[in-house]
């Protein structure tokens, strides 16, 4: 069962945010934030967020937006 998560954009000026799944640089127009285990995690899209969440602790950098 999927449940709704609270999402919010929190861009800091001059930050070097990258997708936590595939490593794509995040900008204000392509950021997706998901609350996982009480912490904000930053992604380039919902697909990377889903992949990251499904395999927590087993990240290999693969994603739909890999460089």
PDB file of N, CA and C in Angstrom:
ATOM      1  N   UNK A   1       0.840  -1.179   0.000  1.00  0.00           N
ATOM      2  CA  UNK A   1       0.000   0.000   0.000  1.00  0.00           C
ATOM      3  C   UNK A   1       0.880   1.235   0.000  1.00  0.00           C
ATOM      4  N   UNK A   2       0.625   2.133  -0.924  1.00  0.00           N
ATOM      5  CA  UNK A   2       1.379   3.381  -0.988  1.00  0.00           C
ATOM      6  C   UNK A   2       0.658   4.424  -0.157  1.00  0.00           C
ATOM      7  N   UNK A   3       1.431   5.244   0.528  1.00  0.00           N
ATOM      8  CA  UNK A   3       0.834   6.329   1.288  1.00  0.00           C
ATOM      9  C   UNK A   3       1.395   7.654   0.781  1.00  0.00           C
ATOM     10  N   UNK A   4       0.657   8.687   0.985  1.00  0.00           N
ATOM     11  CA  UNK A   4       1.079  10.013   0.543  1.00  0.00           C
ATOM     12  C   UNK A   4       2.237  10.485   1.416  1.00  0.00           C
ATOM     13  N   UNK A   5       3.178  11.165   0.803  1.00  0.00           N
ATOM     14  CA  UNK A   5       4.292  11.723   1.545  1.00  0.00           C
ATOM     15  C   UNK A   5       4.276  13.232   1.406  1.00  0.00           C
ATOM     16  N   UNK A   6       4.776  13.889   2.393  1.00  0.00           N
ATOM     17  CA  UNK A   6       4.842  15.350   2.381  1.00  0.00           C
ATOM     18  C   UNK A   6       6.056  15.764   1.558  1.00  0.00           C
ATOM     19  N   UNK A   7       5.830  16.578   0.547  1.00  0.00           N
ATOM     20  CA  UNK A   7       6.905  17.046  -0.322  1.00  0.00           C
ATOM     21  C   UNK A   7       7.043  18.552  -0.187  1.00  0.00           C
ATOM     22  N   UNK A   8       8.275  19.010  -0.247  1.00  0.00           N
ATOM     23  CA  UNK A   8       8.502  20.455  -0.250  1.00  0.00           C
ATOM     24  C   UNK A   8       9.827  20.747  -0.919  1.00  0.00           C
ATOM     25  N   UNK A   9       9.896  21.922  -1.531  1.00  0.00           N
ATOM     26  CA  UNK A   9      11.133  22.345  -2.179  1.00  0.00           C
ATOM     27  C   UNK A   9      11.862  23.283  -1.235  1.00  0.00           C
ATOM     28  N   UNK A  10      13.132  22.991  -1.007  1.00  0.00           N
ATOM     29  CA  UNK A  10      13.940  23.784  -0.095  1.00  0.00           C
ATOM     30  C   UNK A  10      15.285  24.032  -0.775  1.00  0.00           C
ATOM     31  N   UNK A  11      15.312  24.942  -1.735  1.00  0.00           N
ATOM     32  CA  UNK A  11      16.549  25.231  -2.463  1.00  0.00           C
ATOM     33  C   UNK A  11      17.373  26.261  -1.697  1.00  0.00           C
ATOM     34  N   UNK A  12      18.627  25.950  -1.533  1.00  0.00           N
ATOM     35  CA  UNK A  12      19.561  26.886  -0.918  1.00  0.00           C
ATOM     36  C   UNK A  12      20.404  27.476  -2.031  1.00  0.00           C
ATOM     37  N   UNK A  13      20.540  28.766  -2.029  1.00  0.00           N
ATOM     38  CA  UNK A  13      21.285  29.420  -3.093  1.00  0.00           C
ATOM     39  C   UNK A  13      22.749  28.993  -3.060  1.00  0.00           C
ATOM     40  N   UNK A  14      23.274  28.641  -4.228  1.00  0.00           N
ATOM     41  CA  UNK A  14      24.675  28.248  -4.330  1.00  0.00           C
ATOM     42  C   UNK A  14      24.960  26.833  -3.878  1.00  0.00           C
ATOM     43  N   UNK A  15      23.939  26.044  -3.619  1.00  0.00           N
ATOM     44  CA  UNK A  15      24.176  24.684  -3.146  1.00  0.00           C
ATOM     45  C   UNK A  15      24.482  23.763  -4.320  1.00  0.00           C
ATOM     46  N   UNK A  16      25.163  22.675  -4.038  1.00  0.00           N
ATOM     47  CA  UNK A  16      25.515  21.685  -5.047  1.00  0.00           C
ATOM     48  C   UNK A  16      24.659  20.441  -4.835  1.00  0.00           C
ATOM     49  N   UNK A  17      23.363  20.586  -4.925  1.00  0.00           N
ATOM     50  CA  UNK A  17      22.477  19.448  -4.705  1.00  0.00           C
ATOM     51  C   UNK A  17      22.495  18.534  -5.914  1.00  0.00           C
ATOM     52  N   UNK A  18      22.562  17.229  -5.642  1.00  0.00           N
ATOM     53  CA  UNK A  18      22.530  16.222  -6.701  1.00  0.00           C
ATOM     54  C   UNK A  18      21.507  15.170  -6.325  1.00  0.00           C
ATOM     55  N   UNK A  19      20.946  14.542  -7.349  1.00  0.00           N
ATOM     56  CA  UNK A  19      19.997  13.461  -7.131  1.00  0.00           C
ATOM     57  C   UNK A  19      20.681  12.371  -6.302  1.00  0.00           C
ATOM     58  N   UNK A  20      20.025  11.938  -5.241  1.00  0.00           N
ATOM     59  CA  UNK A  20      20.615  10.938  -4.361  1.00  0.00           C
ATOM     60  C   UNK A  20      20.622   9.547  -4.982  1.00  0.00           C
ATOM     61  N   UNK A  21      19.982   9.405  -6.123  1.00  0.00           N
ATOM     62  CA  UNK A  21      19.978   8.111  -6.798  1.00  0.00           C
ATOM     63  C   UNK A  21      20.933   8.086  -7.983  1.00  0.00           C
ATOM     64  N   UNK A  22      20.817   9.040  -8.903  1.00  0.00           N
ATOM     65  CA  UNK A  22      21.605   8.964 -10.138  1.00  0.00           C
ATOM     66  C   UNK A  22      22.692  10.035 -10.237  1.00  0.00           C
ATOM     67  N   UNK A  23      22.692  11.044  -9.367  1.00  0.00           N
ATOM     68  CA  UNK A  23      23.759  12.028  -9.349  1.00  0.00           C
ATOM     69  C   UNK A  23      23.567  13.237 -10.239  1.00  0.00           C
ATOM     70  N   UNK A  24      22.424  13.343 -10.916  1.00  0.00           N
ATOM     71  CA  UNK A  24      22.160  14.505 -11.761  1.00  0.00           C
ATOM     72  C   UNK A  24      22.102  15.757 -10.897  1.00  0.00           C
ATOM     73  N   UNK A  25      22.712  16.849 -11.380  1.00  0.00           N
ATOM     74  CA  UNK A  25      22.675  18.119 -10.648  1.00  0.00           C
ATOM     75  C   UNK A  25      21.243  18.620 -10.600  1.00  0.00           C
ATOM     76  N   UNK A  26      20.818  19.066  -9.415  1.00  0.00           N
ATOM     77  CA  UNK A  26      19.452  19.532  -9.219  1.00  0.00           C
ATOM     78  C   UNK A  26      19.384  21.046  -9.256  1.00  0.00           C
ATOM     79  N   UNK A  27      18.388  21.528  -9.957  1.00  0.00           N
ATOM     80  CA  UNK A  27      18.118  22.958 -10.035  1.00  0.00           C
ATOM     81  C   UNK A  27      16.678  23.172  -9.617  1.00  0.00           C
ATOM     82  N   UNK A  28      16.303  24.405  -9.454  1.00  0.00           N
ATOM     83  CA  UNK A  28      14.968  24.719  -8.960  1.00  0.00           C
ATOM     84  C   UNK A  28      13.863  24.135  -9.834  1.00  0.00           C
ATOM     85  N   UNK A  29      14.107  23.999 -11.134  1.00  0.00           N
ATOM     86  CA  UNK A  29      13.061  23.508 -12.028  1.00  0.00           C
ATOM     87  C   UNK A  29      13.038  21.986 -12.183  1.00  0.00           C
ATOM     88  N   UNK A  30      13.991  21.257 -11.556  1.00  0.00           N
ATOM     89  CA  UNK A  30      13.991  19.795 -11.704  1.00  0.00           C
ATOM     90  C   UNK A  30      14.225  19.072 -10.383  1.00  0.00           C
ATOM     91  N   UNK A  31      13.754  19.639  -9.285  1.00  0.00           N
ATOM     92  CA  UNK A  31      13.995  18.991  -7.990  1.00  0.00           C
ATOM     93  C   UNK A  31      12.722  18.320  -7.488  1.00  0.00           C
ATOM     94  N   UNK A  32      12.902  17.150  -6.917  1.00  0.00           N
ATOM     95  CA  UNK A  32      11.810  16.369  -6.341  1.00  0.00           C
ATOM     96  C   UNK A  32      12.282  15.978  -4.943  1.00  0.00           C
ATOM     97  N   UNK A  33      11.537  16.367  -3.927  1.00  0.00           N
ATOM     98  CA  UNK A  33      11.922  16.108  -2.537  1.00  0.00           C
ATOM     99  C   UNK A  33      10.936  15.122  -1.937  1.00  0.00           C
ATOM    100  N   UNK A  34      11.474  14.096  -1.286  1.00  0.00           N
ATOM    101  CA  UNK A  34      10.616  13.118  -0.624  1.00  0.00           C
ATOM    102  C   UNK A  34      11.087  12.930   0.813  1.00  0.00           C
ATOM    103  N   UNK A  35      10.134  12.885   1.721  1.00  0.00           N
ATOM    104  CA  UNK A  35      10.421  12.644   3.126  1.00  0.00           C
ATOM    105  C   UNK A  35      10.484  11.133   3.332  1.00  0.00           C
ATOM    106  N   UNK A  36      11.678  10.645   3.687  1.00  0.00           N
ATOM    107  CA  UNK A  36      11.898   9.217   3.917  1.00  0.00           C
ATOM    108  C   UNK A  36      12.505   9.063   5.294  1.00  0.00           C
ATOM    109  N   UNK A  37      11.860   8.295   6.137  1.00  0.00           N
ATOM    110  CA  UNK A  37      12.330   8.061   7.508  1.00  0.00           C
ATOM    111  C   UNK A  37      12.589   9.372   8.246  1.00  0.00           C
ATOM    112  N   UNK A  38      11.725  10.354   8.034  1.00  0.00           N
ATOM    113  CA  UNK A  38      11.827  11.623   8.754  1.00  0.00           C
ATOM    114  C   UNK A  38      12.853  12.594   8.212  1.00  0.00           C
ATOM    115  N   UNK A  39      13.502  12.287   7.084  1.00  0.00           N
ATOM    116  CA  UNK A  39      14.511  13.170   6.505  1.00  0.00           C
ATOM    117  C   UNK A  39      14.166  13.500   5.061  1.00  0.00           C
ATOM    118  N   UNK A  40      14.493  14.728   4.645  1.00  0.00           N
ATOM    119  CA  UNK A  40      14.302  15.128   3.256  1.00  0.00           C
ATOM    120  C   UNK A  40      15.384  14.497   2.396  1.00  0.00           C
ATOM    121  N   UNK A  41      14.976  13.913   1.284  1.00  0.00           N
ATOM    122  CA  UNK A  41      15.894  13.346   0.314  1.00  0.00           C
ATOM    123  C   UNK A  41      15.596  14.000  -1.024  1.00  0.00           C
ATOM    124  N   UNK A  42      16.643  14.324  -1.784  1.00  0.00           N
ATOM    125  CA  UNK A  42      16.518  15.106  -3.006  1.00  0.00           C
ATOM    126  C   UNK A  42      16.782  14.253  -4.239  1.00  0.00           C
ATOM    127  N   UNK A  43      15.867  14.354  -5.220  1.00  0.00           N
ATOM    128  CA  UNK A  43      15.942  13.563  -6.438  1.00  0.00           C
ATOM    129  C   UNK A  43      15.603  14.432  -7.637  1.00  0.00           C
ATOM    130  N   UNK A  44      15.922  13.909  -8.831  1.00  0.00           N
ATOM    131  CA  UNK A  44      15.587  14.627 -10.063  1.00  0.00           C
ATOM    132  C   UNK A  44      14.181  14.289 -10.539  1.00  0.00           C
ATOM    133  N   UNK A  45      13.628  13.167 -10.083  1.00  0.00           N
ATOM    134  CA  UNK A  45      12.280  12.775 -10.509  1.00  0.00           C
ATOM    135  C   UNK A  45      11.726  11.726  -9.537  1.00  0.00           C
ATOM    136  N   UNK A  46      10.452  11.459  -9.677  1.00  0.00           N
ATOM    137  CA  UNK A  46       9.798  10.481  -8.799  1.00  0.00           C
ATOM    138  C   UNK A  46      10.314   9.063  -9.060  1.00  0.00           C
ATOM    139  N   UNK A  47      10.757   8.782 -10.297  1.00  0.00           N
ATOM    140  CA  UNK A  47      11.276   7.453 -10.620  1.00  0.00           C
ATOM    141  C   UNK A  47      12.539   7.153  -9.814  1.00  0.00           C
ATOM    142  N   UNK A  48      13.438   8.144  -9.733  1.00  0.00           N
ATOM    143  CA  UNK A  48      14.663   7.957  -8.944  1.00  0.00           C
ATOM    144  C   UNK A  48      14.328   7.847  -7.453  1.00  0.00           C
ATOM    145  N   UNK A  49      13.366   8.620  -6.996  1.00  0.00           N
ATOM    146  CA  UNK A  49      12.961   8.540  -5.588  1.00  0.00           C
ATOM    147  C   UNK A  49      12.406   7.160  -5.278  1.00  0.00           C
ATOM    148  N   UNK A  50      11.573   6.631  -6.168  1.00  0.00           N
ATOM    149  CA  UNK A  50      11.014   5.294  -5.969  1.00  0.00           C
ATOM    150  C   UNK A  50      12.107   4.234  -5.948  1.00  0.00           C
ATOM    151  N   UNK A  51      13.056   4.348  -6.884  1.00  0.00           N
ATOM    152  CA  UNK A  51      14.139   3.365  -6.958  1.00  0.00           C
ATOM    153  C   UNK A  51      15.010   3.423  -5.701  1.00  0.00           C
ATOM    154  N   UNK A  52      15.344   4.642  -5.259  1.00  0.00           N
ATOM    155  CA  UNK A  52      16.147   4.824  -4.055  1.00  0.00           C
ATOM    156  C   UNK A  52      15.437   4.230  -2.840  1.00  0.00           C
ATOM    157  N   UNK A  53      14.165   4.555  -2.715  1.00  0.00           N
ATOM    158  CA  UNK A  53      13.406   4.098  -1.551  1.00  0.00           C
ATOM    159  C   UNK A  53      13.247   2.576  -1.553  1.00  0.00           C
ATOM    160  N   UNK A  54      13.135   1.975  -2.731  1.00  0.00           N
ATOM    161  CA  UNK A  54      12.937   0.530  -2.816  1.00  0.00           C
ATOM    162  C   UNK A  54      14.203  -0.252  -2.474  1.00  0.00           C
ATOM    163  N   UNK A  55      15.350   0.384  -2.559  1.00  0.00           N
ATOM    164  CA  UNK A  55      16.601  -0.333  -2.258  1.00  0.00           C
ATOM    165  C   UNK A  55      17.505   0.459  -1.329  1.00  0.00           C
ATOM    166  N   UNK A  56      16.945   1.022  -0.295  1.00  0.00           N
ATOM    167  CA  UNK A  56      17.738   1.770   0.688  1.00  0.00           C
ATOM    168  C   UNK A  56      18.943   0.958   1.144  1.00  0.00           C
ATOM    169  N   UNK A  57      20.088   1.608   1.137  1.00  0.00           N
ATOM    170  CA  UNK A  57      21.307   0.938   1.575  1.00  0.00           C
ATOM    171  C   UNK A  57      22.010   0.159   0.479  1.00  0.00           C
ATOM    172  N   UNK A  58      21.452   0.091  -0.711  1.00  0.00           N
ATOM    173  CA  UNK A  58      22.066  -0.657  -1.803  1.00  0.00           C
ATOM    174  C   UNK A  58      22.109   0.215  -3.054  1.00  0.00           C
ATOM    175  N   UNK A  59      22.742   1.383  -2.943  1.00  0.00           N
ATOM    176  CA  UNK A  59      22.773   2.328  -4.051  1.00  0.00           C
ATOM    177  C   UNK A  59      23.941   2.043  -4.964  1.00  0.00           C
ATOM    178  N   UNK A  60      23.683   2.011  -6.275  1.00  0.00           N
ATOM    179  CA  UNK A  60      24.773   1.822  -7.220  1.00  0.00           C
ATOM    180  C   UNK A  60      24.815   2.936  -8.264  1.00  0.00           C
ATOM    181  N   UNK A  61      23.989   3.973  -8.082  1.00  0.00           N
ATOM    182  CA  UNK A  61      24.036   5.105  -8.998  1.00  0.00           C
ATOM    183  C   UNK A  61      23.174   4.945 -10.226  1.00  0.00           C
ATOM    184  N   UNK A  62      22.537   3.801 -10.417  1.00  0.00           N
ATOM    185  CA  UNK A  62      21.671   3.616 -11.571  1.00  0.00           C
ATOM    186  C   UNK A  62      20.401   4.407 -11.377  1.00  0.00           C
ATOM    187  N   UNK A  63      19.896   4.938 -12.425  1.00  0.00           N
ATOM    188  CA  UNK A  63      18.630   5.643 -12.390  1.00  0.00           C
ATOM    189  C   UNK A  63      18.186   5.950 -13.797  1.00  0.00           C
ATOM    190  N   UNK A  64      17.013   6.463 -13.926  1.00  0.00           N
ATOM    191  CA  UNK A  64      16.502   6.746 -15.259  1.00  0.00           C
ATOM    192  C   UNK A  64      17.192   7.946 -15.865  1.00  0.00           C
ATOM    193  N   UNK A  65      17.919   8.709 -15.063  1.00  0.00           N
ATOM    194  CA  UNK A  65      18.531   9.960 -15.540  1.00  0.00           C
ATOM    195  C   UNK A  65      20.046   9.938 -15.389  1.00  0.00           C
ATOM    196  N   UNK A  66      20.653   8.771 -15.364  1.00  0.00           N
ATOM    197  CA  UNK A  66      22.100   8.662 -15.150  1.00  0.00           C
ATOM    198  C   UNK A  66      22.875   9.460 -16.180  1.00  0.00           C
ATOM    199  N   UNK A  67      23.996  10.019 -15.727  1.00  0.00           N
ATOM    200  CA  UNK A  67      24.850  10.807 -16.603  1.00  0.00           C
ATOM    201  C   UNK A  67      25.630   9.942 -17.557  1.00  0.00           C
TER     202      UNK A  67
END
